[in-house]
Amino acid sequence: MANQNAKGLQRLINACFFSAAGFKATWTHEEAFRQEVLLFVITTPLAVLLGETTVEKLLLIGSIVLVMLVELLNSAVEAVVDRVGLEHHELSGRAKDIGSAAVMLSLVWAAVTWTLILI
């Protein structure tokens, strides 16, 4: 991260570029993220059509956004673990498994949200 001493508006501009780089890296290296973005693209219009209230629409869309957020964090954990070393280590495996569990839990939450709102 270059220029970490930036202040004010320049700091915000830099943060936007770092965030864009994070999205690009995740899109490039994580198939699961690409699948979740596709899920988002498909389900967002459905949420707008099927949600009866603004709150329902936001919950439907938000549950899928949550999946993508958790996937971004999981991908960050995996990248750091892989950076530290590719040899097998119990703690590295545990960190990756916990990240995977978080993604699964967010997917379950999204499924429950969609089911309860739409039935």
PDB file of N, CA and C in Angstrom:
ATOM      1  N   MET A   1       0.837  -1.173   0.000  1.00  0.00           N
ATOM      2  CA  MET A   1       0.000   0.000   0.000  1.00  0.00           C
ATOM      3  C   MET A   1       0.883   1.238   0.000  1.00  0.00           C
ATOM      4  N   ALA A   2       0.839   1.927  -1.089  1.00  0.00           N
ATOM      5  CA  ALA A   2       1.653   3.126  -1.206  1.00  0.00           C
ATOM      6  C   ALA A   2       0.965   4.306  -0.531  1.00  0.00           C
ATOM      7  N   ASN A   3       1.767   5.229  -0.051  1.00  0.00           N
ATOM      8  CA  ASN A   3       1.288   6.497   0.493  1.00  0.00           C
ATOM      9  C   ASN A   3       0.261   6.311   1.602  1.00  0.00           C
ATOM     10  N   GLN A   4       0.631   5.581   2.632  1.00  0.00           N
ATOM     11  CA  GLN A   4      -0.277   5.366   3.758  1.00  0.00           C
ATOM     12  C   GLN A   4      -0.415   6.603   4.625  1.00  0.00           C
ATOM     13  N   ASN A   5       0.404   7.615   4.387  1.00  0.00           N
ATOM     14  CA  ASN A   5       0.342   8.848   5.171  1.00  0.00           C
ATOM     15  C   ASN A   5      -0.618   9.862   4.585  1.00  0.00           C
ATOM     16  N   ALA A   6      -1.327   9.509   3.538  1.00  0.00           N
ATOM     17  CA  ALA A   6      -2.261  10.441   2.906  1.00  0.00           C
ATOM     18  C   ALA A   6      -3.362  10.807   3.895  1.00  0.00           C
ATOM     19  N   LYS A   7      -3.836  12.025   3.788  1.00  0.00           N
ATOM     20  CA  LYS A   7      -4.886  12.536   4.676  1.00  0.00           C
ATOM     21  C   LYS A   7      -6.065  13.039   3.859  1.00  0.00           C
ATOM     22  N   GLY A   8      -7.199  13.158   4.530  1.00  0.00           N
ATOM     23  CA  GLY A   8      -8.376  13.780   3.940  1.00  0.00           C
ATOM     24  C   GLY A   8      -8.872  13.085   2.688  1.00  0.00           C
ATOM     25  N   LEU A   9      -9.188  13.886   1.698  1.00  0.00           N
ATOM     26  CA  LEU A   9      -9.771  13.375   0.462  1.00  0.00           C
ATOM     27  C   LEU A   9      -8.829  12.416  -0.261  1.00  0.00           C
ATOM     28  N   GLN A  10      -7.526  12.687  -0.228  1.00  0.00           N
ATOM     29  CA  GLN A  10      -6.570  11.802  -0.897  1.00  0.00           C
ATOM     30  C   GLN A  10      -6.586  10.417  -0.271  1.00  0.00           C
ATOM     31  N   ARG A  11      -6.754  10.338   1.046  1.00  0.00           N
ATOM     32  CA  ARG A  11      -6.837   9.042   1.720  1.00  0.00           C
ATOM     33  C   ARG A  11      -8.053   8.267   1.222  1.00  0.00           C
ATOM     34  N   LEU A  12      -9.175   8.953   1.051  1.00  0.00           N
ATOM     35  CA  LEU A  12     -10.394   8.298   0.562  1.00  0.00           C
ATOM     36  C   LEU A  12     -10.231   7.839  -0.886  1.00  0.00           C
ATOM     37  N   ILE A  13      -9.587   8.662  -1.685  1.00  0.00           N
ATOM     38  CA  ILE A  13      -9.340   8.290  -3.084  1.00  0.00           C
ATOM     39  C   ILE A  13      -8.445   7.059  -3.134  1.00  0.00           C
ATOM     40  N   ASN A  14      -7.372   7.058  -2.338  1.00  0.00           N
ATOM     41  CA  ASN A  14      -6.471   5.898  -2.282  1.00  0.00           C
ATOM     42  C   ASN A  14      -7.229   4.645  -1.848  1.00  0.00           C
ATOM     43  N   ALA A  15      -8.095   4.790  -0.845  1.00  0.00           N
ATOM     44  CA  ALA A  15      -8.870   3.649  -0.357  1.00  0.00           C
ATOM     45  C   ALA A  15      -9.754   3.074  -1.459  1.00  0.00           C
ATOM     46  N   CYS A  16     -10.313   3.937  -2.287  1.00  0.00           N
ATOM     47  CA  CYS A  16     -11.143   3.459  -3.405  1.00  0.00           C
ATOM     48  C   CYS A  16     -10.318   2.642  -4.383  1.00  0.00           C
ATOM     49  N   PHE A  17      -9.091   3.092  -4.671  1.00  0.00           N
ATOM     50  CA  PHE A  17      -8.218   2.339  -5.574  1.00  0.00           C
ATOM     51  C   PHE A  17      -7.814   0.996  -4.963  1.00  0.00           C
ATOM     52  N   PHE A  18      -7.513   0.989  -3.655  1.00  0.00           N
ATOM     53  CA  PHE A  18      -7.159  -0.272  -2.986  1.00  0.00           C
ATOM     54  C   PHE A  18      -8.345  -1.234  -3.005  1.00  0.00           C
ATOM     55  N   SER A  19      -9.535  -0.704  -2.800  1.00  0.00           N
ATOM     56  CA  SER A  19     -10.734  -1.543  -2.818  1.00  0.00           C
ATOM     57  C   SER A  19     -10.976  -2.118  -4.205  1.00  0.00           C
ATOM     58  N   ALA A  20     -10.799  -1.298  -5.227  1.00  0.00           N
ATOM     59  CA  ALA A  20     -10.962  -1.775  -6.607  1.00  0.00           C
ATOM     60  C   ALA A  20      -9.950  -2.880  -6.901  1.00  0.00           C
ATOM     61  N   ALA A  21      -8.728  -2.726  -6.409  1.00  0.00           N
ATOM     62  CA  ALA A  21      -7.705  -3.764  -6.598  1.00  0.00           C
ATOM     63  C   ALA A  21      -8.114  -5.045  -5.885  1.00  0.00           C
ATOM     64  N   GLY A  22      -8.740  -4.908  -4.721  1.00  0.00           N
ATOM     65  CA  GLY A  22      -9.211  -6.087  -3.989  1.00  0.00           C
ATOM     66  C   GLY A  22     -10.319  -6.814  -4.733  1.00  0.00           C
ATOM     67  N   PHE A  23     -11.265  -6.051  -5.281  1.00  0.00           N
ATOM     68  CA  PHE A  23     -12.326  -6.674  -6.082  1.00  0.00           C
ATOM     69  C   PHE A  23     -11.745  -7.379  -7.301  1.00  0.00           C
ATOM     70  N   LYS A  24     -10.800  -6.715  -7.977  1.00  0.00           N
ATOM     71  CA  LYS A  24     -10.191  -7.295  -9.173  1.00  0.00           C
ATOM     72  C   LYS A  24      -9.455  -8.586  -8.825  1.00  0.00           C
ATOM     73  N   ALA A  25      -8.688  -8.567  -7.744  1.00  0.00           N
ATOM     74  CA  ALA A  25      -7.934  -9.762  -7.342  1.00  0.00           C
ATOM     75  C   ALA A  25      -8.874 -10.905  -6.973  1.00  0.00           C
ATOM     76  N   THR A  26      -9.930 -10.582  -6.261  1.00  0.00           N
ATOM     77  CA  THR A  26     -10.880 -11.630  -5.871  1.00  0.00           C
ATOM     78  C   THR A  26     -11.592 -12.181  -7.098  1.00  0.00           C
ATOM     79  N   TRP A  27     -11.998 -11.311  -8.001  1.00  0.00           N
ATOM     80  CA  TRP A  27     -12.655 -11.749  -9.231  1.00  0.00           C
ATOM     81  C   TRP A  27     -11.725 -12.656 -10.034  1.00  0.00           C
ATOM     82  N   THR A  28     -10.455 -12.290 -10.113  1.00  0.00           N
ATOM     83  CA  THR A  28      -9.486 -13.028 -10.918  1.00  0.00           C
ATOM     84  C   THR A  28      -9.146 -14.387 -10.316  1.00  0.00           C
ATOM     85  N   HIS A  29      -9.014 -14.456  -9.006  1.00  0.00           N
ATOM     86  CA  HIS A  29      -8.457 -15.638  -8.360  1.00  0.00           C
ATOM     87  C   HIS A  29      -9.468 -16.522  -7.631  1.00  0.00           C
ATOM     88  N   GLU A  30     -10.692 -16.078  -7.476  1.00  0.00           N
ATOM     89  CA  GLU A  30     -11.664 -16.838  -6.675  1.00  0.00           C
ATOM     90  C   GLU A  30     -12.922 -17.157  -7.475  1.00  0.00           C
ATOM     91  N   GLU A  31     -13.032 -18.399  -7.917  1.00  0.00           N
ATOM     92  CA  GLU A  31     -14.201 -18.814  -8.679  1.00  0.00           C
ATOM     93  C   GLU A  31     -15.482 -18.685  -7.860  1.00  0.00           C
ATOM     94  N   ALA A  32     -15.388 -18.987  -6.571  1.00  0.00           N
ATOM     95  CA  ALA A  32     -16.579 -18.888  -5.717  1.00  0.00           C
ATOM     96  C   ALA A  32     -17.128 -17.466  -5.720  1.00  0.00           C
ATOM     97  N   PHE A  33     -16.252 -16.469  -5.705  1.00  0.00           N
ATOM     98  CA  PHE A  33     -16.708 -15.082  -5.726  1.00  0.00           C
ATOM     99  C   PHE A  33     -17.417 -14.775  -7.048  1.00  0.00           C
ATOM    100  N   ARG A  34     -16.876 -15.254  -8.147  1.00  0.00           N
ATOM    101  CA  ARG A  34     -17.530 -15.034  -9.447  1.00  0.00           C
ATOM    102  C   ARG A  34     -18.918 -15.670  -9.461  1.00  0.00           C
ATOM    103  N   GLN A  35     -19.047 -16.855  -8.870  1.00  0.00           N
ATOM    104  CA  GLN A  35     -20.349 -17.514  -8.798  1.00  0.00           C
ATOM    105  C   GLN A  35     -21.319 -16.716  -7.925  1.00  0.00           C
ATOM    106  N   GLU A  36     -20.817 -16.164  -6.836  1.00  0.00           N
ATOM    107  CA  GLU A  36     -21.683 -15.387  -5.944  1.00  0.00           C
ATOM    108  C   GLU A  36     -22.104 -14.063  -6.583  1.00  0.00           C
ATOM    109  N   VAL A  37     -21.234 -13.473  -7.387  1.00  0.00           N
ATOM    110  CA  VAL A  37     -21.621 -12.269  -8.120  1.00  0.00           C
ATOM    111  C   VAL A  37     -22.715 -12.615  -9.132  1.00  0.00           C
ATOM    112  N   LEU A  38     -22.580 -13.739  -9.800  1.00  0.00           N
ATOM    113  CA  LEU A  38     -23.624 -14.186 -10.721  1.00  0.00           C
ATOM    114  C   LEU A  38     -24.939 -14.407  -9.968  1.00  0.00           C
ATOM    115  N   LEU A  39     -24.856 -15.025  -8.802  1.00  0.00           N
ATOM    116  CA  LEU A  39     -26.045 -15.207  -7.958  1.00  0.00           C
ATOM    117  C   LEU A  39     -26.673 -13.857  -7.632  1.00  0.00           C
ATOM    118  N   PHE A  40     -25.846 -12.878  -7.303  1.00  0.00           N
ATOM    119  CA  PHE A  40     -26.334 -11.536  -6.997  1.00  0.00           C
ATOM    120  C   PHE A  40     -27.030 -10.903  -8.209  1.00  0.00           C
ATOM    121  N   VAL A  41     -26.418 -11.040  -9.374  1.00  0.00           N
ATOM    122  CA  VAL A  41     -26.983 -10.460 -10.600  1.00  0.00           C
ATOM    123  C   VAL A  41     -28.343 -11.091 -10.915  1.00  0.00           C
ATOM    124  N   ILE A  42     -28.479 -12.381 -10.665  1.00  0.00           N
ATOM    125  CA  ILE A  42     -29.743 -13.079 -10.938  1.00  0.00           C
ATOM    126  C   ILE A  42     -30.792 -12.767  -9.883  1.00  0.00           C
ATOM    127  N   THR A  43     -30.389 -12.756  -8.618  1.00  0.00           N
ATOM    128  CA  THR A  43     -31.378 -12.628  -7.536  1.00  0.00           C
ATOM    129  C   THR A  43     -31.820 -11.194  -7.264  1.00  0.00           C
ATOM    130  N   THR A  44     -31.012 -10.217  -7.613  1.00  0.00           N
ATOM    131  CA  THR A  44     -31.409  -8.829  -7.319  1.00  0.00           C
ATOM    132  C   THR A  44     -32.688  -8.427  -8.048  1.00  0.00           C
ATOM    133  N   PRO A  45     -32.796  -8.670  -9.350  1.00  0.00           N
ATOM    134  CA  PRO A  45     -34.088  -8.348  -9.988  1.00  0.00           C
ATOM    135  C   PRO A  45     -35.246  -9.175  -9.416  1.00  0.00           C
ATOM    136  N   LEU A  46     -34.960 -10.437  -9.060  1.00  0.00           N
ATOM    137  CA  LEU A  46     -36.005 -11.255  -8.450  1.00  0.00           C
ATOM    138  C   LEU A  46     -36.459 -10.667  -7.125  1.00  0.00           C
ATOM    139  N   ALA A  47     -35.501 -10.181  -6.337  1.00  0.00           N
ATOM    140  CA  ALA A  47     -35.840  -9.583  -5.043  1.00  0.00           C
ATOM    141  C   ALA A  47     -36.714  -8.358  -5.224  1.00  0.00           C
ATOM    142  N   VAL A  48     -36.397  -7.553  -6.228  1.00  0.00           N
ATOM    143  CA  VAL A  48     -37.183  -6.350  -6.484  1.00  0.00           C
ATOM    144  C   VAL A  48     -38.599  -6.724  -6.926  1.00  0.00           C
ATOM    145  N   LEU A  49     -38.711  -7.782  -7.719  1.00  0.00           N
ATOM    146  CA  LEU A  49     -40.035  -8.211  -8.191  1.00  0.00           C
ATOM    147  C   LEU A  49     -40.839  -8.948  -7.122  1.00  0.00           C
ATOM    148  N   LEU A  50     -40.171  -9.784  -6.332  1.00  0.00           N
ATOM    149  CA  LEU A  50     -40.887 -10.667  -5.414  1.00  0.00           C
ATOM    150  C   LEU A  50     -41.067 -10.090  -4.012  1.00  0.00           C
ATOM    151  N   GLY A  51     -40.199  -9.195  -3.614  1.00  0.00           N
ATOM    152  CA  GLY A  51     -40.351  -8.579  -2.299  1.00  0.00           C
ATOM    153  C   GLY A  51     -41.561  -7.671  -2.292  1.00  0.00           C
ATOM    154  N   GLU A  52     -42.380  -7.801  -1.273  1.00  0.00           N
ATOM    155  CA  GLU A  52     -43.605  -7.000  -1.229  1.00  0.00           C
ATOM    156  C   GLU A  52     -43.377  -5.623  -0.633  1.00  0.00           C
ATOM    157  N   THR A  53     -42.426  -5.514   0.282  1.00  0.00           N
ATOM    158  CA  THR A  53     -42.138  -4.229   0.910  1.00  0.00           C
ATOM    159  C   THR A  53     -40.670  -3.879   0.663  1.00  0.00           C
ATOM    160  N   THR A  54     -40.337  -2.641   0.941  1.00  0.00           N
ATOM    161  CA  THR A  54     -38.949  -2.216   0.800  1.00  0.00           C
ATOM    162  C   THR A  54     -38.042  -3.016   1.733  1.00  0.00           C
ATOM    163  N   VAL A  55     -38.521  -3.283   2.925  1.00  0.00           N
ATOM    164  CA  VAL A  55     -37.720  -4.062   3.889  1.00  0.00           C
ATOM    165  C   VAL A  55     -37.480  -5.472   3.362  1.00  0.00           C
ATOM    166  N   GLU A  56     -38.493  -6.114   2.822  1.00  0.00           N
ATOM    167  CA  GLU A  56     -38.301  -7.444   2.248  1.00  0.00           C
ATOM    168  C   GLU A  56     -37.295  -7.417   1.106  1.00  0.00           C
ATOM    169  N   LYS A  57     -37.404  -6.434   0.248  1.00  0.00           N
ATOM    170  CA  LYS A  57     -36.460  -6.320  -0.874  1.00  0.00           C
ATOM    171  C   LYS A  57     -35.034  -6.147  -0.362  1.00  0.00           C
ATOM    172  N   LEU A  58     -34.860  -5.289   0.629  1.00  0.00           N
ATOM    173  CA  LEU A  58     -33.530  -5.062   1.192  1.00  0.00           C
ATOM    174  C   LEU A  58     -32.988  -6.304   1.885  1.00  0.00           C
ATOM    175  N   LEU A  59     -33.848  -7.040   2.578  1.00  0.00           N
ATOM    176  CA  LEU A  59     -33.399  -8.272   3.232  1.00  0.00           C
ATOM    177  C   LEU A  59     -32.991  -9.327   2.201  1.00  0.00           C
ATOM    178  N   LEU A  60     -33.758  -9.452   1.148  1.00  0.00           N
ATOM    179  CA  LEU A  60     -33.420 -10.420   0.103  1.00  0.00           C
ATOM    180  C   LEU A  60     -32.091 -10.062  -0.564  1.00  0.00           C
ATOM    181  N   ILE A  61     -31.958  -8.818  -0.958  1.00  0.00           N
ATOM    182  CA  ILE A  61     -30.711  -8.385  -1.599  1.00  0.00           C
ATOM    183  C   ILE A  61     -29.557  -8.412  -0.602  1.00  0.00           C
ATOM    184  N   GLY A  62     -29.806  -7.927   0.597  1.00  0.00           N
ATOM    185  CA  GLY A  62     -28.768  -7.867   1.621  1.00  0.00           C
ATOM    186  C   GLY A  62     -28.223  -9.225   2.004  1.00  0.00           C
ATOM    187  N   SER A  63     -29.071 -10.243   1.979  1.00  0.00           N
ATOM    188  CA  SER A  63     -28.588 -11.579   2.337  1.00  0.00           C
ATOM    189  C   SER A  63     -27.576 -12.086   1.318  1.00  0.00           C
ATOM    190  N   ILE A  64     -27.744 -11.723   0.067  1.00  0.00           N
ATOM    191  CA  ILE A  64     -26.775 -12.125  -0.969  1.00  0.00           C
ATOM    192  C   ILE A  64     -25.518 -11.261  -0.881  1.00  0.00           C
ATOM    193  N   VAL A  65     -25.692  -9.983  -0.581  1.00  0.00           N
ATOM    194  CA  VAL A  65     -24.525  -9.112  -0.379  1.00  0.00           C
ATOM    195  C   VAL A  65     -23.691  -9.637   0.785  1.00  0.00           C
ATOM    196  N   LEU A  66     -24.354 -10.119   1.842  1.00  0.00           N
ATOM    197  CA  LEU A  66     -23.635 -10.696   2.980  1.00  0.00           C
ATOM    198  C   LEU A  66     -22.767 -11.871   2.539  1.00  0.00           C
ATOM    199  N   VAL A  67     -23.281 -12.705   1.665  1.00  0.00           N
ATOM    200  CA  VAL A  67     -22.495 -13.841   1.157  1.00  0.00           C
ATOM    201  C   VAL A  67     -21.227 -13.335   0.466  1.00  0.00           C
ATOM    202  N   MET A  68     -21.369 -12.305  -0.363  1.00  0.00           N
ATOM    203  CA  MET A  68     -20.194 -11.776  -1.064  1.00  0.00           C
ATOM    204  C   MET A  68     -19.205 -11.134  -0.093  1.00  0.00           C
ATOM    205  N   LEU A  69     -19.706 -10.447   0.913  1.00  0.00           N
ATOM    206  CA  LEU A  69     -18.827  -9.843   1.926  1.00  0.00           C
ATOM    207  C   LEU A  69     -18.019 -10.910   2.657  1.00  0.00           C
ATOM    208  N   VAL A  70     -18.698 -11.968   3.072  1.00  0.00           N
ATOM    209  CA  VAL A  70     -18.011 -13.037   3.791  1.00  0.00           C
ATOM    210  C   VAL A  70     -17.003 -13.723   2.878  1.00  0.00           C
ATOM    211  N   GLU A  71     -17.341 -13.889   1.610  1.00  0.00           N
ATOM    212  CA  GLU A  71     -16.408 -14.489   0.650  1.00  0.00           C
ATOM    213  C   GLU A  71     -15.165 -13.620   0.483  1.00  0.00           C
ATOM    214  N   LEU A  72     -15.334 -12.302   0.442  1.00  0.00           N
ATOM    215  CA  LEU A  72     -14.181 -11.404   0.351  1.00  0.00           C
ATOM    216  C   LEU A  72     -13.265 -11.587   1.566  1.00  0.00           C
ATOM    217  N   LEU A  73     -13.844 -11.646   2.742  1.00  0.00           N
ATOM    218  CA  LEU A  73     -13.036 -11.840   3.957  1.00  0.00           C
ATOM    219  C   LEU A  73     -12.369 -13.211   3.963  1.00  0.00           C
ATOM    220  N   ASN A  74     -13.101 -14.231   3.547  1.00  0.00           N
ATOM    221  CA  ASN A  74     -12.531 -15.577   3.469  1.00  0.00           C
ATOM    222  C   ASN A  74     -11.365 -15.608   2.479  1.00  0.00           C
ATOM    223  N   SER A  75     -11.523 -14.951   1.356  1.00  0.00           N
ATOM    224  CA  SER A  75     -10.452 -14.915   0.359  1.00  0.00           C
ATOM    225  C   SER A  75      -9.222 -14.193   0.908  1.00  0.00           C
ATOM    226  N   ALA A  76      -9.446 -13.149   1.694  1.00  0.00           N
ATOM    227  CA  ALA A  76      -8.326 -12.433   2.305  1.00  0.00           C
ATOM    228  C   ALA A  76      -7.582 -13.336   3.290  1.00  0.00           C
ATOM    229  N   VAL A  77      -8.320 -14.074   4.105  1.00  0.00           N
ATOM    230  CA  VAL A  77      -7.691 -15.003   5.044  1.00  0.00           C
ATOM    231  C   VAL A  77      -6.887 -16.054   4.280  1.00  0.00           C
ATOM    232  N   GLU A  78      -7.476 -16.618   3.245  1.00  0.00           N
ATOM    233  CA  GLU A  78      -6.774 -17.641   2.462  1.00  0.00           C
ATOM    234  C   GLU A  78      -5.508 -17.090   1.819  1.00  0.00           C
ATOM    235  N   ALA A  79      -5.565 -15.857   1.322  1.00  0.00           N
ATOM    236  CA  ALA A  79      -4.384 -15.256   0.699  1.00  0.00           C
ATOM    237  C   ALA A  79      -3.265 -15.063   1.716  1.00  0.00           C
ATOM    238  N   VAL A  80      -3.614 -14.624   2.908  1.00  0.00           N
ATOM    239  CA  VAL A  80      -2.598 -14.430   3.948  1.00  0.00           C
ATOM    240  C   VAL A  80      -2.005 -15.767   4.373  1.00  0.00           C
ATOM    241  N   VAL A  81      -2.846 -16.764   4.559  1.00  0.00           N
ATOM    242  CA  VAL A  81      -2.350 -18.092   4.948  1.00  0.00           C
ATOM    243  C   VAL A  81      -1.420 -18.636   3.875  1.00  0.00           C
ATOM    244  N   ASP A  82      -1.801 -18.511   2.614  1.00  0.00           N
ATOM    245  CA  ASP A  82      -0.957 -19.001   1.524  1.00  0.00           C
ATOM    246  C   ASP A  82       0.340 -18.202   1.425  1.00  0.00           C
ATOM    247  N   ARG A  83       0.292 -16.922   1.748  1.00  0.00           N
ATOM    248  CA  ARG A  83       1.491 -16.081   1.712  1.00  0.00           C
ATOM    249  C   ARG A  83       2.495 -16.528   2.774  1.00  0.00           C
ATOM    250  N   VAL A  84       1.988 -16.906   3.933  1.00  0.00           N
ATOM    251  CA  VAL A  84       2.861 -17.323   5.039  1.00  0.00           C
ATOM    252  C   VAL A  84       3.607 -18.598   4.666  1.00  0.00           C
ATOM    253  N   GLY A  85       2.931 -19.512   3.994  1.00  0.00           N
ATOM    254  CA  GLY A  85       3.594 -20.742   3.580  1.00  0.00           C
ATOM    255  C   GLY A  85       2.605 -21.738   3.024  1.00  0.00           C
ATOM    256  N   LEU A  86       3.059 -22.506   2.041  1.00  0.00           N
ATOM    257  CA  LEU A  86       2.176 -23.474   1.396  1.00  0.00           C
ATOM    258  C   LEU A  86       2.262 -24.854   2.043  1.00  0.00           C
ATOM    259  N   GLU A  87       3.234 -25.051   2.949  1.00  0.00           N
ATOM    260  CA  GLU A  87       3.304 -26.347   3.626  1.00  0.00           C
ATOM    261  C   GLU A  87       2.112 -26.491   4.563  1.00  0.00           C
ATOM    262  N   HIS A  88       1.730 -27.735   4.810  1.00  0.00           N
ATOM    263  CA  HIS A  88       0.579 -28.001   5.657  1.00  0.00           C
ATOM    264  C   HIS A  88       0.902 -27.657   7.110  1.00  0.00           C
ATOM    265  N   HIS A  89       0.024 -26.917   7.720  1.00  0.00           N
ATOM    266  CA  HIS A  89       0.135 -26.602   9.140  1.00  0.00           C
ATOM    267  C   HIS A  89      -1.272 -26.623   9.719  1.00  0.00           C
ATOM    268  N   GLU A  90      -1.402 -27.188  10.897  1.00  0.00           N
ATOM    269  CA  GLU A  90      -2.721 -27.345  11.515  1.00  0.00           C
ATOM    270  C   GLU A  90      -3.456 -26.005  11.628  1.00  0.00           C
ATOM    271  N   LEU A  91      -2.764 -24.955  12.050  1.00  0.00           N
ATOM    272  CA  LEU A  91      -3.419 -23.653  12.215  1.00  0.00           C
ATOM    273  C   LEU A  91      -3.821 -23.043  10.870  1.00  0.00           C
ATOM    274  N   SER A  92      -3.014 -23.263   9.842  1.00  0.00           N
ATOM    275  CA  SER A  92      -3.373 -22.764   8.507  1.00  0.00           C
ATOM    276  C   SER A  92      -4.639 -23.446   8.015  1.00  0.00           C
ATOM    277  N   GLY A  93      -4.688 -24.753   8.182  1.00  0.00           N
ATOM    278  CA  GLY A  93      -5.885 -25.497   7.784  1.00  0.00           C
ATOM    279  C   GLY A  93      -7.103 -25.065   8.574  1.00  0.00           C
ATOM    280  N   ARG A  94      -6.902 -24.834   9.859  1.00  0.00           N
ATOM    281  CA  ARG A  94      -8.016 -24.404  10.711  1.00  0.00           C
ATOM    282  C   ARG A  94      -8.537 -23.038  10.263  1.00  0.00           C
ATOM    283  N   ALA A  95      -7.621 -22.119   9.965  1.00  0.00           N
ATOM    284  CA  ALA A  95      -8.037 -20.784   9.522  1.00  0.00           C
ATOM    285  C   ALA A  95      -8.858 -20.867   8.236  1.00  0.00           C
ATOM    286  N   LYS A  96      -8.400 -21.672   7.290  1.00  0.00           N
ATOM    287  CA  LYS A  96      -9.130 -21.822   6.032  1.00  0.00           C
ATOM    288  C   LYS A  96     -10.481 -22.499   6.250  1.00  0.00           C
ATOM    289  N   ASP A  97     -10.522 -23.502   7.118  1.00  0.00           N
ATOM    290  CA  ASP A  97     -11.785 -24.191   7.402  1.00  0.00           C
ATOM    291  C   ASP A  97     -12.786 -23.252   8.065  1.00  0.00           C
ATOM    292  N   ILE A  98     -12.305 -22.421   8.974  1.00  0.00           N
ATOM    293  CA  ILE A  98     -13.194 -21.477   9.652  1.00  0.00           C
ATOM    294  C   ILE A  98     -13.745 -20.459   8.654  1.00  0.00           C
ATOM    295  N   GLY A  99     -12.892 -19.974   7.752  1.00  0.00           N
ATOM    296  CA  GLY A  99     -13.365 -19.060   6.712  1.00  0.00           C
ATOM    297  C   GLY A  99     -14.408 -19.707   5.821  1.00  0.00           C
ATOM    298  N   SER A 100     -14.175 -20.963   5.478  1.00  0.00           N
ATOM    299  CA  SER A 100     -15.132 -21.707   4.660  1.00  0.00           C
ATOM    300  C   SER A 100     -16.451 -21.889   5.401  1.00  0.00           C
ATOM    301  N   ALA A 101     -16.367 -22.163   6.688  1.00  0.00           N
ATOM    302  CA  ALA A 101     -17.584 -22.317   7.497  1.00  0.00           C
ATOM    303  C   ALA A 101     -18.377 -21.011   7.541  1.00  0.00           C
ATOM    304  N   ALA A 102     -17.672 -19.893   7.607  1.00  0.00           N
ATOM    305  CA  ALA A 102     -18.352 -18.592   7.614  1.00  0.00           C
ATOM    306  C   ALA A 102     -19.104 -18.363   6.310  1.00  0.00           C
ATOM    307  N   VAL A 103     -18.492 -18.728   5.197  1.00  0.00           N
ATOM    308  CA  VAL A 103     -19.168 -18.592   3.902  1.00  0.00           C
ATOM    309  C   VAL A 103     -20.402 -19.490   3.863  1.00  0.00           C
ATOM    310  N   MET A 104     -20.251 -20.737   4.327  1.00  0.00           N
ATOM    311  CA  MET A 104     -21.389 -21.651   4.327  1.00  0.00           C
ATOM    312  C   MET A 104     -22.533 -21.104   5.194  1.00  0.00           C
ATOM    313  N   LEU A 105     -22.189 -20.580   6.359  1.00  0.00           N
ATOM    314  CA  LEU A 105     -23.215 -20.030   7.243  1.00  0.00           C
ATOM    315  C   LEU A 105     -23.936 -18.861   6.576  1.00  0.00           C
ATOM    316  N   SER A 106     -23.195 -18.016   5.864  1.00  0.00           N
ATOM    317  CA  SER A 106     -23.840 -16.894   5.177  1.00  0.00           C
ATOM    318  C   SER A 106     -24.761 -17.386   4.057  1.00  0.00           C
ATOM    319  N   LEU A 107     -24.364 -18.467   3.375  1.00  0.00           N
ATOM    320  CA  LEU A 107     -25.231 -19.047   2.345  1.00  0.00           C
ATOM    321  C   LEU A 107     -26.500 -19.633   2.941  1.00  0.00           C
ATOM    322  N   VAL A 108     -26.359 -20.304   4.081  1.00  0.00           N
ATOM    323  CA  VAL A 108     -27.539 -20.845   4.779  1.00  0.00           C
ATOM    324  C   VAL A 108     -28.449 -19.702   5.194  1.00  0.00           C
ATOM    325  N   TRP A 109     -27.846 -18.638   5.738  1.00  0.00           N
ATOM    326  CA  TRP A 109     -28.639 -17.476   6.155  1.00  0.00           C
ATOM    327  C   TRP A 109     -29.400 -16.889   4.962  1.00  0.00           C
ATOM    328  N   ALA A 110     -28.744 -16.777   3.817  1.00  0.00           N
ATOM    329  CA  ALA A 110     -29.411 -16.248   2.623  1.00  0.00           C
ATOM    330  C   ALA A 110     -30.564 -17.160   2.205  1.00  0.00           C
ATOM    331  N   ALA A 111     -30.337 -18.466   2.232  1.00  0.00           N
ATOM    332  CA  ALA A 111     -31.395 -19.410   1.855  1.00  0.00           C
ATOM    333  C   ALA A 111     -32.585 -19.314   2.808  1.00  0.00           C
ATOM    334  N   VAL A 112     -32.314 -19.228   4.082  1.00  0.00           N
ATOM    335  CA  VAL A 112     -33.397 -19.097   5.082  1.00  0.00           C
ATOM    336  C   VAL A 112     -34.152 -17.796   4.868  1.00  0.00           C
ATOM    337  N   THR A 113     -33.414 -16.713   4.642  1.00  0.00           N
ATOM    338  CA  THR A 113     -34.053 -15.415   4.413  1.00  0.00           C
ATOM    339  C   THR A 113     -34.987 -15.470   3.214  1.00  0.00           C
ATOM    340  N   TRP A 114     -34.490 -16.000   2.100  1.00  0.00           N
ATOM    341  CA  TRP A 114     -35.314 -16.085   0.890  1.00  0.00           C
ATOM    342  C   TRP A 114     -36.517 -16.982   1.116  1.00  0.00           C
ATOM    343  N   THR A 115     -36.296 -18.110   1.774  1.00  0.00           N
ATOM    344  CA  THR A 115     -37.399 -19.054   2.010  1.00  0.00           C
ATOM    345  C   THR A 115     -38.488 -18.433   2.875  1.00  0.00           C
ATOM    346  N   LEU A 116     -38.103 -17.819   3.991  1.00  0.00           N
ATOM    347  CA  LEU A 116     -39.099 -17.274   4.910  1.00  0.00           C
ATOM    348  C   LEU A 116     -39.846 -16.082   4.326  1.00  0.00           C
ATOM    349  N   ILE A 117     -39.179 -15.300   3.518  1.00  0.00           N
ATOM    350  CA  ILE A 117     -39.864 -14.143   2.921  1.00  0.00           C
ATOM    351  C   ILE A 117     -40.783 -14.568   1.779  1.00  0.00           C
ATOM    352  N   LEU A 118     -40.375 -15.561   1.030  1.00  0.00           N
ATOM    353  CA  LEU A 118     -41.143 -15.905  -0.169  1.00  0.00           C
ATOM    354  C   LEU A 118     -42.219 -16.958   0.046  1.00  0.00           C
ATOM    355  N   ILE A 119     -42.197 -17.654   1.175  1.00  0.00           N
ATOM    356  CA  ILE A 119     -43.283 -18.643   1.378  1.00  0.00           C
ATOM    357  C   ILE A 119     -44.433 -18.061   2.170  1.00  0.00           C
TER     358      ILE A 119
END
